[in-house]
Amino acid sequence: MKFSDFECNLLINGINEWRNMLLAADYTAEDVDELLLKIIRKAEGK
């Protein structure tokens, strides 16, 4: 699946907001961190 730069940024920002909500609610975000890093690395490798 290919995304435009705008779509990648939107996806990254949305997942990061979700991560922040998890942390604010005192949940672990390790899995979300891994997903976020994978998406960022994939976006950088375009």
Protein backbone atom coordinates (compact mmCIF):
# COMPACT_ATOMS: atom_id res chain seq x y z
CA MET A 1 0.00 0.00 0.00
CA LYS A 2 1.38 3.42 -0.92
CA PHE A 3 0.55 6.69 0.78
CA SER A 4 1.20 10.28 -0.18
CA ASP A 5 3.28 12.46 2.14
CA PHE A 6 0.08 14.06 3.41
CA GLU A 7 -1.48 10.68 4.15
CA CYS A 8 1.66 9.49 5.95
CA ASN A 9 1.73 12.61 8.11
CA LEU A 10 -1.95 12.23 8.88
CA LEU A 11 -1.47 8.59 9.86
CA ILE A 12 1.56 9.36 12.03
CA ASN A 13 -0.17 12.24 13.78
CA GLY A 14 -3.29 10.19 14.42
CA ILE A 15 -1.37 7.27 15.88
CA ASN A 16 0.72 9.65 17.98
CA GLU A 17 -2.45 11.24 19.39
CA TRP A 18 -3.77 7.76 20.21
CA ARG A 19 -0.45 6.97 21.92
CA ASN A 20 -0.69 10.15 23.99
CA MET A 21 -4.24 9.29 25.04
CA LEU A 22 -3.10 5.84 26.15
CA LEU A 23 -0.27 7.31 28.19
CA ALA A 24 -2.56 9.93 29.74
CA ALA A 25 -4.93 7.13 30.79
CA ASP A 26 -1.96 5.28 32.34
CA TYR A 27 -1.93 2.46 29.77
CA THR A 28 1.21 1.05 28.19
CA ALA A 29 1.91 2.17 24.66
CA GLU A 30 4.75 -0.18 23.73
CA ASP A 31 2.89 -1.82 20.84
CA VAL A 32 1.73 1.54 19.55
CA ASP A 33 5.32 2.83 19.79
CA GLU A 34 6.50 -0.06 17.63
CA LEU A 35 3.78 0.56 15.06
CA LEU A 36 4.55 4.27 14.99
CA LEU A 37 8.26 3.63 14.48
CA LYS A 38 7.57 1.18 11.65
CA ILE A 39 5.39 3.71 9.86
CA ILE A 40 7.93 6.51 10.34
CA ARG A 41 10.77 4.33 9.05
CA LYS A 42 8.68 3.26 6.06
CA ALA A 43 7.77 6.89 5.30
CA GLU A 44 11.43 7.94 5.48
CA GLY A 45 12.43 5.16 3.11
CA LYS A 46 10.24 6.39 0.25
